[in-house]
Amino acid sequence: MIRIGVLSSLIVVLLSTTIVPKVEAQMVITGTVKSKGGQPLPGLALLEKGEIHNNGWDRGARVDAQGRFRIEVASAGAYGLHVYSSGYIYAPQAIKVEAGKTLELQIVLVPELTRANTPVIAKVGFFPWEARQGKLTFVKADVADPNGDLGPQVLAFNAATGRVYAMDPPTRVRSLKANYPNGVYQLAVDTATSPINPRDWHFVVADHQCNTSDILSFPHEPKPQQVIR
């Protein structure tokens, strides 16, 4: 009886001291994107982590045909949200995500009155580096701005992983506020474990005046840019 009593006490102690893993609540940014007339707009919603306009790109999501998007983030804090839709001036805004909560946003975009000032993505390509046996692939985009005032937002988004990347300019730029050059921008992607699928990649460019290129998605064939009426 004494042994049974001792064993029972041990079981109670073990059960009371068992550590239950803490389940972290998800932190999510969701939203809708519409025109001023209330029309849902598809596009991209891309995040900078930290202070807005720091060019420290983190995660993103496609905005669906109903104008909805959803982005899960790993930590609370400040983010810069940038929303793009072809033919519209992009909308940047500083946001704050609270721990364990969902942030719901309503985004309204205004159409570009003219496309004469719009940056253009002329061509996109994917180039495995032969010296690394395909373990590294360069993603390249030929970009031009008619007014020569490109900003650092020459962006590539991998929808499969949710990652956003700022592509490297053809020549070094000393300040994020400087005008970035026209030319071929590139991004080195580690493809040692997973090859690139071009269908997953989307590209967008904005200048310092918030003029925005059309979003270029697979098959990455540019079309004439249209003014939204």
Protein backbone atom coordinates (compact mmCIF):
# COMPACT_ATOMS: atom_id res chain seq x y z
CA MET A 1 0.00 0.00 0.00
CA ILE A 2 2.86 2.33 0.79
CA ARG A 3 4.45 1.65 -2.62
CA ILE A 4 1.16 2.28 -4.38
CA GLY A 5 0.71 5.55 -2.47
CA VAL A 6 4.23 6.71 -3.35
CA LEU A 7 3.73 5.81 -7.02
CA SER A 8 0.46 7.72 -7.13
CA SER A 9 2.17 10.76 -5.62
CA LEU A 10 4.91 10.61 -8.21
CA ILE A 11 2.39 10.45 -11.03
CA VAL A 12 0.57 13.48 -9.64
CA VAL A 13 3.85 15.41 -9.35
CA LEU A 14 4.90 14.49 -12.92
CA LEU A 15 1.54 15.50 -14.35
CA SER A 16 1.56 18.80 -12.50
CA THR A 17 5.07 19.66 -13.71
CA THR A 18 4.59 18.62 -17.34
CA ILE A 19 5.43 21.56 -19.62
CA VAL A 20 2.73 22.22 -22.18
CA PRO A 21 4.12 23.94 -25.29
CA LYS A 22 2.76 27.44 -25.66
CA VAL A 23 0.85 27.95 -28.90
CA GLU A 24 1.69 31.32 -30.41
CA ALA A 25 -1.27 33.23 -31.76
CA GLN A 26 -0.96 34.16 -35.43
CA MET A 27 -0.31 37.74 -36.41
CA VAL A 28 -2.06 38.51 -39.66
CA ILE A 29 -2.56 41.51 -41.93
CA THR A 30 -5.69 41.28 -44.06
CA GLY A 31 -7.38 43.80 -46.24
CA THR A 32 -9.40 44.78 -49.26
CA VAL A 33 -8.23 46.87 -52.18
CA LYS A 34 -10.72 48.93 -54.16
CA SER A 35 -10.94 51.86 -56.55
CA LYS A 36 -12.61 55.10 -55.44
CA GLY A 37 -15.75 53.81 -57.13
CA GLY A 38 -15.72 50.65 -55.00
CA GLN A 39 -14.46 48.23 -57.66
CA PRO A 40 -12.27 45.43 -56.24
CA LEU A 41 -8.72 45.59 -57.60
CA PRO A 42 -6.29 42.67 -58.01
CA GLY A 43 -2.57 43.20 -57.52
CA LEU A 44 0.18 42.80 -54.93
CA ALA A 45 0.44 43.71 -51.23
CA LEU A 46 4.11 43.82 -50.17
CA LEU A 47 5.67 44.51 -46.76
CA GLU A 48 8.77 46.21 -45.51
CA LYS A 49 9.74 45.18 -41.98
CA GLY A 50 10.37 48.15 -39.71
CA GLU A 51 10.18 51.79 -40.68
CA ILE A 52 8.46 52.50 -43.98
CA HIS A 53 10.69 53.27 -46.98
CA ASN A 54 13.71 51.50 -45.45
CA ASN A 55 13.87 49.07 -48.40
CA GLY A 56 13.99 46.11 -46.01
CA TRP A 57 11.48 43.90 -47.75
CA ASP A 58 9.94 40.96 -45.96
CA ARG A 59 6.76 39.18 -47.01
CA GLY A 60 3.81 39.75 -49.30
CA ALA A 61 0.74 38.32 -50.97
CA ARG A 62 -1.20 38.49 -54.18
CA VAL A 63 -4.41 40.49 -54.05
CA ASP A 64 -7.13 38.33 -55.57
CA ALA A 65 -9.87 39.27 -58.03
CA GLN A 66 -12.16 40.19 -55.12
CA GLY A 67 -9.55 42.66 -53.88
CA ARG A 68 -8.67 40.55 -50.82
CA PHE A 69 -5.23 39.79 -49.40
CA ARG A 70 -3.83 38.05 -46.32
CA ILE A 71 -0.26 38.15 -45.02
CA GLU A 72 1.01 36.23 -41.96
CA VAL A 73 3.93 37.87 -40.16
CA ALA A 74 6.39 36.33 -37.71
CA SER A 75 6.58 39.21 -35.24
CA ALA A 76 4.66 42.21 -34.00
CA GLY A 77 5.84 45.73 -34.62
CA ALA A 78 6.15 48.32 -37.35
CA TYR A 79 5.81 47.51 -41.05
CA GLY A 80 5.53 49.44 -44.28
CA LEU A 81 2.67 48.18 -46.45
CA HIS A 82 2.80 48.89 -50.19
CA VAL A 83 -0.18 47.96 -52.37
CA TYR A 84 0.04 47.85 -56.17
CA SER A 85 -2.48 47.39 -58.96
CA SER A 86 -1.77 47.89 -62.66
CA GLY A 87 -2.84 51.34 -63.85
CA TYR A 88 -3.07 52.80 -60.32
CA ILE A 89 -0.76 54.92 -58.19
CA TYR A 90 0.54 52.64 -55.48
CA ALA A 91 -0.44 53.18 -51.83
CA PRO A 92 2.31 53.12 -49.17
CA GLN A 93 1.40 53.34 -45.51
CA ALA A 94 3.07 52.76 -42.15
CA ILE A 95 1.23 50.17 -40.06
CA LYS A 96 1.70 48.50 -36.67
CA VAL A 97 0.92 44.86 -35.97
CA GLU A 98 0.03 43.94 -32.38
CA ALA A 99 1.01 40.60 -30.87
CA GLY A 100 -1.60 37.90 -31.40
CA LYS A 101 -3.97 40.13 -33.34
CA THR A 102 -5.24 40.53 -36.89
CA LEU A 103 -4.95 43.92 -38.54
CA GLU A 104 -7.76 44.61 -41.03
CA LEU A 105 -7.20 47.34 -43.61
CA GLN A 106 -9.21 49.06 -46.33
CA ILE A 107 -7.07 50.30 -49.24
CA VAL A 108 -8.34 52.73 -51.90
CA LEU A 109 -6.23 53.31 -55.01
CA VAL A 110 -6.41 56.20 -57.47
CA PRO A 111 -5.78 55.61 -61.20
CA GLU A 112 -2.83 57.20 -62.95
CA LEU A 113 -4.08 60.09 -65.08
CA THR A 114 -1.41 59.39 -67.69
CA ARG A 115 1.04 56.58 -68.31
CA ALA A 116 3.61 58.95 -69.79
CA ASN A 117 5.46 59.02 -66.44
CA THR A 118 5.14 55.32 -65.69
CA PRO A 119 8.19 53.07 -65.23
CA VAL A 120 8.33 50.12 -67.61
CA ILE A 121 9.58 46.56 -67.15
CA ALA A 122 10.73 45.71 -70.66
CA LYS A 123 11.92 42.17 -70.05
CA VAL A 124 12.42 39.55 -67.34
CA GLY A 125 14.67 36.46 -67.42
CA PHE A 126 15.90 33.59 -65.23
CA PHE A 127 19.55 32.55 -65.67
CA PRO A 128 21.12 29.58 -63.82
CA TRP A 129 24.80 30.16 -63.04
CA GLU A 130 26.59 27.32 -64.83
CA ALA A 131 29.67 27.57 -62.59
CA ARG A 132 27.46 26.63 -59.63
CA GLN A 133 25.71 23.77 -61.48
CA GLY A 134 22.36 25.53 -61.25
CA LYS A 135 22.60 25.99 -57.47
CA LEU A 136 22.36 29.73 -57.97
CA THR A 137 20.01 31.47 -60.40
CA PHE A 138 20.05 35.11 -61.40
CA VAL A 139 16.67 36.77 -61.86
CA LYS A 140 17.00 39.82 -64.11
CA ALA A 141 14.65 42.64 -65.09
CA ASP A 142 15.27 45.34 -67.68
CA VAL A 143 13.72 48.50 -66.22
CA ALA A 144 13.36 52.08 -67.47
CA ASP A 145 11.70 55.25 -66.20
CA PRO A 146 10.87 58.02 -68.73
CA ASN A 147 11.78 60.76 -66.23
CA GLY A 148 14.87 59.10 -64.78
CA ASP A 149 13.55 59.16 -61.22
CA LEU A 150 13.30 55.51 -60.35
CA GLY A 151 13.33 54.70 -56.65
CA PRO A 152 14.62 51.56 -54.91
CA GLN A 153 11.31 49.77 -55.50
CA VAL A 154 12.35 47.42 -58.27
CA LEU A 155 10.68 44.43 -56.67
CA ALA A 156 10.43 40.70 -57.25
CA PHE A 157 7.81 38.67 -55.38
CA ASN A 158 7.86 34.87 -55.07
CA ALA A 159 4.25 33.88 -54.45
CA ALA A 160 5.24 30.29 -53.59
CA THR A 161 7.35 31.35 -50.61
CA GLY A 162 5.72 34.70 -49.85
CA ARG A 163 9.11 36.46 -49.99
CA VAL A 164 9.68 39.94 -51.41
CA TYR A 165 13.04 41.09 -52.77
CA ALA A 166 14.48 44.44 -53.82
CA MET A 167 16.55 43.79 -56.94
CA ASP A 168 20.10 45.12 -57.18
CA PRO A 169 20.61 48.11 -59.50
CA PRO A 170 23.08 47.96 -62.42
CA THR A 171 25.35 50.47 -60.63
CA ARG A 172 25.78 51.34 -56.99
CA VAL A 173 23.39 53.94 -55.55
CA ARG A 174 24.50 55.76 -52.41
CA SER A 175 21.11 56.80 -51.03
CA LEU A 176 17.59 55.41 -51.08
CA LYS A 177 16.42 58.95 -51.92
CA ALA A 178 18.66 59.19 -55.00
CA ASN A 179 17.38 58.54 -58.51
CA TYR A 180 18.08 54.94 -59.45
CA PRO A 181 19.46 54.21 -62.94
CA ASN A 182 17.65 52.65 -65.86
CA GLY A 183 19.05 49.28 -66.87
CA VAL A 184 19.14 45.62 -65.89
CA TYR A 185 18.42 44.89 -62.23
CA GLN A 186 19.19 41.47 -60.81
CA LEU A 187 18.63 39.17 -57.88
CA ALA A 188 20.69 36.09 -56.93
CA VAL A 189 18.43 33.24 -55.75
CA ASP A 190 19.67 30.09 -54.00
CA THR A 191 18.26 27.20 -56.02
CA ALA A 192 20.34 24.38 -54.47
CA THR A 193 17.30 22.67 -52.95
CA SER A 194 14.46 23.98 -55.11
CA PRO A 195 14.62 25.19 -58.72
CA ILE A 196 12.90 28.39 -59.76
CA ASN A 197 9.42 28.14 -61.20
CA PRO A 198 8.85 31.29 -63.29
CA ARG A 199 5.08 30.97 -62.75
CA ASP A 200 5.59 31.91 -59.09
CA TRP A 201 7.34 35.21 -59.77
CA HIS A 202 5.76 38.66 -60.08
CA PHE A 203 7.49 42.00 -60.67
CA VAL A 204 6.58 45.64 -60.06
CA VAL A 205 8.47 48.94 -60.16
CA ALA A 206 7.69 52.37 -58.67
CA ASP A 207 9.44 55.72 -58.97
CA HIS A 208 9.90 58.45 -56.38
CA GLN A 209 6.58 60.05 -57.44
CA CYS A 210 4.62 56.81 -56.79
CA ASN A 211 4.12 56.20 -60.52
CA THR A 212 3.92 52.44 -60.86
CA SER A 213 4.60 49.97 -63.62
CA ASP A 214 2.08 47.35 -64.56
CA ILE A 215 2.59 44.18 -62.53
CA LEU A 216 4.44 41.68 -64.70
CA SER A 217 3.41 38.08 -64.07
CA PHE A 218 3.96 34.84 -65.98
CA PRO A 219 4.59 34.57 -68.91
CA HIS A 220 6.29 37.92 -68.21
CA GLU A 221 5.37 39.45 -71.56
CA PRO A 222 4.82 43.22 -71.25
CA LYS A 223 1.69 44.71 -72.78
CA PRO A 224 0.97 48.35 -73.67
CA GLN A 225 0.12 50.22 -70.48
CA GLN A 226 -3.43 51.55 -70.40
CA VAL A 227 -5.00 54.54 -68.67
CA ILE A 228 -7.87 53.47 -66.39
CA ARG A 229 -11.06 55.37 -67.27
